[in-house]
Amino acid sequence: MSGVRFAVLAPLAVAFFALVGHPRAMEGQSLLAGAGLGVPAEPLEARSRAMGGAGIGLSGWHLLAADPAAAAGLALPSVTATYQPARVTLSDGRSAGYARFPVLAALHPYGGNAFWVQFSSFLDQEWEVRSSRILIVSGVGVRANDLYRSIGGIGQVRLGWARQLSESLAVGLSVGSYVGTMERSFIRVVEPADLGSDVEPFVITGRWRASGKTAGLGIAWDPNPLVRIAGAASWSGDLVLTPFAGTIQEKGTYAIPIDLRAGGTVTLAEGLGLAVGVSYADWSETGRDLLDESTRGAAWSYGAGLEWSRVTIRGRAVPVRVGARRVDLPFLFAGEPVSEQIVSGGIGIHFLEREGVPLARLEIGIENGSRKGGAIAEDFLRTTISIRVSGN
């Protein structure tokens, strides 16, 4: 696979793609994370996940990474944290778990403006593959055990501003930078019985630091009390992966596409809302930077969900949500496109309210999904838990 720059770690990339057609053991987040620059780790909180991953145009005011204008109506200082454990199962029954914090954010209103800082996930690159093979050394077969491992991921730190321009119109802006590190290693251990116990393992390791600029713009419009429509665009400069001292591979630079999102919520009946959302990004230029045809070009996602907000337990509001979503992943796997199909559900619990405004709430979203790329199929169960606390 000549010329492939696999996240600037060419030697391991070649070895990995030579292996993935017949993997013997796998651990980590997802074997499909090995393709391209990783699996997109969308910074969606639990309510969005439960409602089909719309992530934009939801009713009310929230700190949403994909919807900069959604914070405009927050009148109290707020802190939001999201935790996401998940488990991935291959078609042969092998499974592995992982956990991440996809969104951490804090907001402070001042003079009719909402100012916020946010850390969010972007690309996840955690995988581990093991392989056993026979090497021919001086005409003799030698058993070897290989371990291919990738650790880390890429996130974004953003500073944002949002404001209501009128009762029906809000806007939001953000600027930020990529952050994070990635480490890749290849370890080969030869069976001592074949060459002797004094043969040390062969190890190659490389580490890279992510950098690059990002910016976002969002708008939310409420044409009437029953409808909200929103749109957002996220621009990115080149993603730069700079090797740490001691890493022999060169710096890699990759174009990241503009991400366009649109969505909205319509009230179908008292307490019942329907949310829909769509996103689009063209990864073709990223594929050219990877120097191979590892991207699908246009990547779409579609999602929809229902929220019933009239459920209460002991006087506390407990919204109930269901949804479904389809997501095109940007990178091909073994030359085949990869997509996710997801069904979801969840609840919210308002622990403390003041004049109808939730001051402390817990949101839970559960997604049951599947993805397939080439000969690899995966099922996953993903739980997202978000907590938001507001107050003076």
Protein backbone atom coordinates (compact mmCIF):
# COMPACT_ATOMS: atom_id res chain seq x y z
CA MET A 1 0.00 0.00 0.00
CA SER A 2 2.65 2.39 -1.21
CA GLY A 3 2.31 6.08 -0.42
CA VAL A 4 -0.22 5.76 2.41
CA ARG A 5 0.39 8.28 5.15
CA PHE A 6 -1.63 6.83 8.00
CA ALA A 7 -1.83 9.75 10.44
CA VAL A 8 1.87 10.40 9.75
CA LEU A 9 2.91 6.95 11.00
CA ALA A 10 3.63 5.22 7.70
CA PRO A 11 5.48 2.09 8.89
CA LEU A 12 2.75 1.07 11.30
CA ALA A 13 0.03 2.01 8.84
CA VAL A 14 1.37 -0.39 6.23
CA ALA A 15 1.69 -3.14 8.81
CA PHE A 16 -1.79 -2.46 10.14
CA PHE A 17 -3.54 -2.54 6.77
CA ALA A 18 -1.68 -5.72 5.89
CA LEU A 19 -3.16 -7.24 9.02
CA VAL A 20 -6.75 -6.04 9.21
CA GLY A 21 -8.06 -8.42 6.57
CA HIS A 22 -7.58 -11.30 9.03
CA PRO A 23 -7.49 -9.94 12.59
CA ARG A 24 -6.99 -12.55 15.29
CA ALA A 25 -7.62 -10.47 18.40
CA MET A 26 -8.86 -6.95 19.05
CA GLU A 27 -9.20 -4.67 22.01
CA GLY A 28 -9.94 -0.97 22.33
CA GLN A 29 -12.69 1.34 21.20
CA SER A 30 -13.17 0.16 17.63
CA LEU A 31 -11.17 -1.66 15.00
CA LEU A 32 -12.66 0.79 12.50
CA ALA A 33 -10.79 3.60 14.31
CA GLY A 34 -7.70 2.44 12.43
CA ALA A 35 -8.98 3.85 9.14
CA GLY A 36 -8.13 7.41 8.12
CA LEU A 37 -7.59 9.75 11.07
CA GLY A 38 -9.95 7.90 13.39
CA VAL A 39 -13.62 7.65 14.26
CA PRO A 40 -15.40 11.01 14.68
CA ALA A 41 -16.28 11.48 18.35
CA GLU A 42 -19.14 13.96 18.10
CA PRO A 43 -19.46 16.27 21.13
CA LEU A 44 -23.15 15.59 21.75
CA GLU A 45 -24.64 15.65 25.23
CA ALA A 46 -27.15 13.11 26.52
CA ARG A 47 -30.36 14.86 25.44
CA SER A 48 -29.15 15.12 21.84
CA ARG A 49 -28.03 11.49 21.84
CA ALA A 50 -31.38 10.29 23.16
CA MET A 51 -33.25 12.26 20.48
CA GLY A 52 -31.43 10.85 17.48
CA GLY A 53 -28.31 12.97 17.68
CA ALA A 54 -29.87 16.13 16.22
CA GLY A 55 -27.65 18.29 18.42
CA ILE A 56 -29.04 21.53 16.96
CA GLY A 57 -32.32 23.37 17.09
CA LEU A 58 -33.54 21.70 20.28
CA SER A 59 -36.16 23.56 22.29
CA GLY A 60 -34.99 25.63 25.24
CA TRP A 61 -31.51 27.05 25.93
CA HIS A 62 -28.47 24.85 26.39
CA LEU A 63 -24.71 24.59 26.07
CA LEU A 64 -24.45 22.56 22.84
CA ALA A 65 -21.11 22.19 21.05
CA ALA A 66 -22.74 21.87 17.62
CA ASP A 67 -25.14 24.79 18.17
CA PRO A 68 -23.36 28.01 19.27
CA ALA A 69 -26.60 30.03 19.38
CA ALA A 70 -28.29 27.61 21.81
CA ALA A 71 -26.68 29.31 24.83
CA ALA A 72 -28.05 32.78 24.08
CA GLY A 73 -30.99 32.56 26.50
CA LEU A 74 -29.07 31.22 29.51
CA ALA A 75 -29.33 33.88 32.22
CA LEU A 76 -27.44 32.10 35.01
CA PRO A 77 -23.84 30.88 35.28
CA SER A 78 -23.79 27.22 34.28
CA VAL A 79 -21.43 24.26 34.26
CA THR A 80 -22.00 21.20 32.10
CA ALA A 81 -20.17 17.85 32.07
CA THR A 82 -20.84 14.79 29.94
CA TYR A 83 -19.53 11.26 30.55
CA GLN A 84 -19.84 8.49 27.97
CA PRO A 85 -19.08 4.79 28.59
CA ALA A 86 -19.64 2.34 25.74
CA ARG A 87 -19.03 -1.23 24.68
CA VAL A 88 -18.23 -2.48 21.16
CA THR A 89 -18.87 -6.07 20.05
CA LEU A 90 -17.52 -7.62 16.85
CA SER A 91 -19.53 -10.06 14.79
CA ASP A 92 -17.46 -12.98 16.15
CA GLY A 93 -18.44 -12.10 19.72
CA ARG A 94 -15.27 -10.38 20.90
CA SER A 95 -15.92 -7.13 22.74
CA ALA A 96 -14.16 -4.20 24.40
CA GLY A 97 -15.18 -1.15 26.39
CA TYR A 98 -14.10 2.45 26.56
CA ALA A 99 -15.14 5.70 28.24
CA ARG A 100 -14.62 9.38 27.46
CA PHE A 101 -15.71 12.87 28.48
CA PRO A 102 -16.97 14.30 25.14
CA VAL A 103 -18.11 17.68 26.51
CA LEU A 104 -16.99 19.88 29.42
CA ALA A 105 -18.24 23.48 29.44
CA ALA A 106 -18.79 26.55 31.61
CA LEU A 107 -20.86 29.64 30.85
CA HIS A 108 -21.21 33.10 32.39
CA PRO A 109 -23.83 35.65 31.28
CA TYR A 110 -23.04 39.37 31.32
CA GLY A 111 -24.96 42.34 29.96
CA GLY A 112 -27.34 40.26 27.88
CA ASN A 113 -24.47 38.21 26.44
CA ALA A 114 -23.53 34.61 27.20
CA PHE A 115 -19.79 33.86 27.28
CA TRP A 116 -18.60 30.26 27.45
CA VAL A 117 -15.57 28.02 27.31
CA GLN A 118 -15.83 24.45 26.16
CA PHE A 119 -13.70 21.37 25.69
CA SER A 120 -15.15 18.84 23.24
CA SER A 121 -14.08 15.63 21.53
CA PHE A 122 -13.46 15.48 17.77
CA LEU A 123 -11.58 12.38 16.53
CA ASP A 124 -10.94 9.26 18.55
CA GLN A 125 -8.00 6.99 17.69
CA GLU A 126 -7.95 4.19 20.26
CA TRP A 127 -7.41 0.67 19.03
CA GLU A 128 -5.29 -2.40 19.63
CA VAL A 129 -4.71 -5.38 17.32
CA ARG A 130 -2.77 -8.57 17.99
CA SER A 131 -1.45 -11.00 15.38
CA SER A 132 0.59 -14.20 15.41
CA ARG A 133 2.70 -15.17 12.40
CA ILE A 134 5.60 -17.32 11.20
CA LEU A 135 8.79 -15.53 10.10
CA ILE A 136 11.49 -17.20 8.01
CA VAL A 137 14.91 -16.54 9.57
CA SER A 138 17.87 -18.21 7.83
CA GLY A 139 15.51 -20.72 6.31
CA VAL A 140 13.92 -21.62 9.65
CA GLY A 141 10.36 -20.78 10.71
CA VAL A 142 10.20 -18.55 13.80
CA ARG A 143 6.98 -17.77 15.66
CA ALA A 144 6.32 -14.08 16.37
CA ASN A 145 3.55 -12.22 18.19
CA ASP A 146 2.81 -8.68 16.98
CA LEU A 147 0.97 -5.93 18.85
CA TYR A 148 -0.28 -2.80 17.06
CA ARG A 149 -1.60 -0.11 19.43
CA SER A 150 -2.91 3.43 19.11
CA ILE A 151 -3.72 5.59 22.14
CA GLY A 152 -5.17 9.09 22.29
CA GLY A 153 -7.38 11.37 20.28
CA ILE A 154 -8.01 14.90 19.11
CA GLY A 155 -10.30 17.41 20.78
CA GLN A 156 -11.14 21.11 20.57
CA VAL A 157 -11.01 23.95 23.08
CA ARG A 158 -13.39 26.79 22.19
CA LEU A 159 -14.29 30.22 23.50
CA GLY A 160 -17.79 31.33 22.58
CA TRP A 161 -20.28 34.16 22.67
CA ALA A 162 -24.06 34.09 22.16
CA ARG A 163 -26.79 36.71 22.34
CA GLN A 164 -30.49 37.10 21.69
CA LEU A 165 -30.90 39.83 19.10
CA SER A 166 -34.67 39.76 19.61
CA GLU A 167 -37.27 37.54 21.24
CA SER A 168 -37.23 35.28 18.20
CA LEU A 169 -33.62 35.47 16.93
CA ALA A 170 -30.32 34.44 18.54
CA VAL A 171 -26.76 34.16 17.23
CA GLY A 172 -23.57 32.55 18.50
CA LEU A 173 -19.88 32.61 17.60
CA SER A 174 -16.89 30.53 18.69
CA VAL A 175 -13.14 30.39 18.11
CA GLY A 176 -10.83 27.64 19.20
CA SER A 177 -7.95 25.28 18.67
CA TYR A 178 -7.32 21.58 18.28
CA VAL A 179 -5.68 19.88 21.24
CA GLY A 180 -4.65 16.34 22.11
CA THR A 181 -1.94 13.78 21.53
CA MET A 182 -1.70 10.46 19.72
CA GLU A 183 0.72 7.63 20.39
CA ARG A 184 1.25 4.63 18.10
CA SER A 185 3.44 1.63 18.77
CA PHE A 186 4.38 -1.67 17.14
CA ILE A 187 5.83 -4.44 19.33
CA ARG A 188 7.10 -7.77 17.96
CA VAL A 189 7.98 -10.56 20.41
CA VAL A 190 9.72 -13.69 19.09
CA GLU A 191 8.99 -16.99 20.79
CA PRO A 192 11.96 -17.75 23.12
CA ALA A 193 11.79 -21.46 22.25
CA ASP A 194 12.65 -20.62 18.62
CA LEU A 195 15.54 -18.13 19.02
CA GLY A 196 16.40 -18.15 22.71
CA SER A 197 15.36 -16.06 25.71
CA ASP A 198 18.02 -13.37 25.15
CA VAL A 199 16.24 -11.92 22.08
CA GLU A 200 14.63 -8.62 23.09
CA PRO A 201 11.26 -7.46 21.69
CA PHE A 202 11.38 -5.14 18.67
CA VAL A 203 9.57 -1.85 19.43
CA ILE A 204 8.70 1.21 17.34
CA THR A 205 6.87 4.09 19.06
CA GLY A 206 5.81 7.52 17.89
CA ARG A 207 3.91 10.41 19.50
CA TRP A 208 2.27 13.45 17.92
CA ARG A 209 0.68 16.63 19.23
CA ALA A 210 -2.40 18.09 17.51
CA SER A 211 -2.84 21.77 16.67
CA GLY A 212 -4.90 23.96 14.32
CA LYS A 213 -7.53 26.70 14.45
CA THR A 214 -11.32 26.38 14.41
CA ALA A 215 -14.27 28.77 14.33
CA GLY A 216 -18.02 28.40 14.45
CA LEU A 217 -21.17 30.41 13.69
CA GLY A 218 -24.74 29.58 14.61
CA ILE A 219 -28.22 31.09 14.39
CA ALA A 220 -31.52 30.12 16.03
CA TRP A 221 -34.92 31.46 14.94
CA ASP A 222 -38.27 30.96 16.63
CA PRO A 223 -40.85 32.03 14.01
CA ASN A 224 -43.60 31.24 16.53
CA PRO A 225 -43.81 29.64 19.99
CA LEU A 226 -44.27 26.17 18.48
CA VAL A 227 -41.26 26.09 16.14
CA ARG A 228 -37.52 26.55 16.38
CA ILE A 229 -35.17 26.45 13.37
CA ALA A 230 -31.38 26.54 13.69
CA GLY A 231 -28.29 26.32 11.54
CA ALA A 232 -24.56 26.22 12.24
CA ALA A 233 -21.28 26.09 10.36
CA SER A 234 -17.95 25.01 11.82
CA TRP A 235 -14.80 26.06 9.94
CA SER A 236 -11.38 24.52 10.48
CA GLY A 237 -7.87 25.33 9.40
CA ASP A 238 -5.50 22.47 8.70
CA LEU A 239 -5.11 19.85 11.41
CA VAL A 240 -1.39 19.62 12.14
CA LEU A 241 0.15 16.57 13.84
CA THR A 242 3.62 17.49 15.10
CA PRO A 243 5.93 14.67 16.25
CA PHE A 244 7.43 14.79 19.72
CA ALA A 245 11.20 14.67 20.08
CA GLY A 246 12.44 11.16 19.32
CA THR A 247 9.66 10.37 16.84
CA ILE A 248 11.26 9.79 13.46
CA GLN A 249 8.21 10.43 11.25
CA GLU A 250 7.62 13.90 9.80
CA LYS A 251 4.89 16.40 10.63
CA GLY A 252 1.53 15.75 8.98
CA THR A 253 -0.92 18.39 7.76
CA TYR A 254 -4.52 17.49 6.92
CA ALA A 255 -7.42 19.56 5.59
CA ILE A 256 -10.55 19.32 7.77
CA PRO A 257 -13.82 20.18 6.01
CA ILE A 258 -16.42 22.75 6.94
CA ASP A 259 -19.17 21.05 8.94
CA LEU A 260 -22.69 22.27 8.13
CA ARG A 261 -25.65 21.50 10.37
CA ALA A 262 -29.34 22.35 10.33
CA GLY A 263 -32.19 21.27 12.52
CA GLY A 264 -35.22 22.28 14.45
CA THR A 265 -38.03 21.37 16.80
CA VAL A 266 -41.77 21.57 16.27
CA THR A 267 -44.38 21.14 19.00
CA LEU A 268 -46.85 18.47 17.87
CA ALA A 269 -49.07 18.65 20.96
CA GLU A 270 -48.84 20.08 24.43
CA GLY A 271 -45.67 18.61 25.95
CA LEU A 272 -44.73 16.64 22.82
CA GLY A 273 -41.95 17.87 20.52
CA LEU A 274 -40.36 16.47 17.36
CA ALA A 275 -36.70 17.30 16.70
CA VAL A 276 -34.89 16.69 13.41
CA GLY A 277 -31.32 17.37 12.35
CA VAL A 278 -28.96 16.88 9.43
CA SER A 279 -25.24 17.47 8.97
CA TYR A 280 -22.89 17.48 5.97
CA ALA A 281 -19.13 17.57 5.43
CA ASP A 282 -17.01 16.83 2.35
CA TRP A 283 -13.81 14.96 3.31
CA SER A 284 -12.41 14.65 -0.23
CA GLU A 285 -9.55 17.09 0.37
CA THR A 286 -8.58 15.20 3.53
CA GLY A 287 -8.30 12.07 1.40
CA ARG A 288 -5.86 13.84 -0.92
CA ASP A 289 -3.75 14.84 2.08
CA LEU A 290 -3.72 11.21 3.21
CA LEU A 291 -2.33 10.39 -0.25
CA ASP A 292 -4.78 7.60 -0.90
CA GLU A 293 -8.46 7.07 -1.56
CA SER A 294 -9.37 6.45 2.06
CA THR A 295 -12.24 8.94 2.30
CA ARG A 296 -15.78 8.69 0.98
CA GLY A 297 -16.09 12.39 0.10
CA ALA A 298 -19.50 13.64 1.21
CA ALA A 299 -20.50 12.38 4.66
CA TRP A 300 -24.08 12.93 5.82
CA SER A 301 -25.93 12.26 9.04
CA TYR A 302 -29.68 12.31 9.61
CA GLY A 303 -31.48 12.08 12.93
CA ALA A 304 -34.90 12.59 14.47
CA GLY A 305 -36.43 12.16 17.89
CA LEU A 306 -39.46 12.76 20.08
CA GLU A 307 -39.58 14.29 23.56
CA TRP A 308 -42.51 13.96 25.95
CA SER A 309 -42.06 16.52 28.72
CA ARG A 310 -45.26 16.00 30.75
CA VAL A 311 -43.99 13.06 32.79
CA THR A 312 -43.35 13.83 36.47
CA ILE A 313 -42.13 11.78 39.42
CA ARG A 314 -42.80 13.19 42.90
CA GLY A 315 -43.35 16.60 41.40
CA ARG A 316 -40.14 16.63 39.39
CA ALA A 317 -40.17 16.81 35.61
CA VAL A 318 -38.80 13.69 33.91
CA PRO A 319 -38.79 14.20 30.12
CA VAL A 320 -38.83 10.96 28.11
CA ARG A 321 -37.09 10.76 24.70
CA VAL A 322 -36.68 8.35 21.79
CA GLY A 323 -34.87 8.74 18.47
CA ALA A 324 -33.09 7.20 15.50
CA ARG A 325 -30.09 8.21 13.43
CA ARG A 326 -27.92 7.27 10.44
CA VAL A 327 -24.32 8.49 10.22
CA ASP A 328 -21.83 8.21 7.36
CA LEU A 329 -18.29 7.95 8.74
CA PRO A 330 -15.79 9.95 6.64
CA PHE A 331 -13.08 7.28 6.20
CA LEU A 332 -13.31 4.08 4.21
CA PHE A 333 -12.27 0.75 5.69
CA ALA A 334 -10.61 -1.78 3.35
CA GLY A 335 -11.98 0.31 0.50
CA GLU A 336 -15.56 0.11 1.73
CA PRO A 337 -17.74 2.94 3.13
CA VAL A 338 -18.69 2.76 6.81
CA SER A 339 -22.05 3.87 8.22
CA GLU A 340 -23.76 3.72 11.59
CA GLN A 341 -27.43 2.97 12.24
CA ILE A 342 -28.65 3.89 15.71
CA VAL A 343 -31.83 3.73 17.77
CA SER A 344 -31.85 5.64 21.03
CA GLY A 345 -33.81 6.66 24.08
CA GLY A 346 -33.38 8.38 27.40
CA ILE A 347 -34.75 10.54 30.17
CA GLY A 348 -33.99 13.75 31.98
CA ILE A 349 -34.39 14.42 35.70
CA HIS A 350 -34.84 17.99 36.98
CA PHE A 351 -33.56 17.84 40.55
CA LEU A 352 -33.99 21.54 41.29
CA GLU A 353 -36.13 24.20 39.59
CA ARG A 354 -36.81 27.87 40.23
CA GLU A 355 -39.81 29.51 38.57
CA GLY A 356 -39.86 26.74 35.99
CA VAL A 357 -36.12 27.05 35.19
CA PRO A 358 -34.06 23.87 35.87
CA LEU A 359 -31.08 24.69 38.09
CA ALA A 360 -29.76 21.15 38.44
CA ARG A 361 -30.54 18.37 36.03
CA LEU A 362 -29.32 14.98 34.95
CA GLU A 363 -29.76 13.72 31.39
CA ILE A 364 -29.28 10.10 30.30
CA GLY A 365 -29.19 8.85 26.71
CA ILE A 366 -28.70 5.25 25.57
CA GLU A 367 -27.86 4.31 21.97
CA ASN A 368 -27.93 0.84 20.45
CA GLY A 369 -26.21 0.84 17.09
CA SER A 370 -24.21 -1.01 14.49
CA ARG A 371 -21.50 -0.10 12.00
CA LYS A 372 -19.93 -2.03 9.17
CA GLY A 373 -16.87 -1.48 6.99
CA GLY A 374 -15.58 -4.08 4.54
CA ALA A 375 -15.36 -7.44 6.28
CA ILE A 376 -15.60 -5.88 9.76
CA ALA A 377 -18.94 -5.47 11.53
CA GLU A 378 -19.49 -4.01 14.98
CA ASP A 379 -22.40 -3.52 17.34
CA PHE A 380 -22.18 -0.97 20.12
CA LEU A 381 -24.11 0.08 23.18
CA ARG A 382 -23.32 3.65 24.22
CA THR A 383 -24.55 5.47 27.32
CA THR A 384 -24.24 9.24 27.65
CA ILE A 385 -24.73 10.99 30.99
CA SER A 386 -24.83 14.79 31.22
CA ILE A 387 -25.09 17.00 34.29
CA ARG A 388 -25.81 20.72 34.25
CA VAL A 389 -25.79 22.94 37.30
CA SER A 390 -26.82 26.60 37.20
CA GLY A 391 -26.95 29.29 39.85
CA ASN A 392 -25.79 32.72 40.96
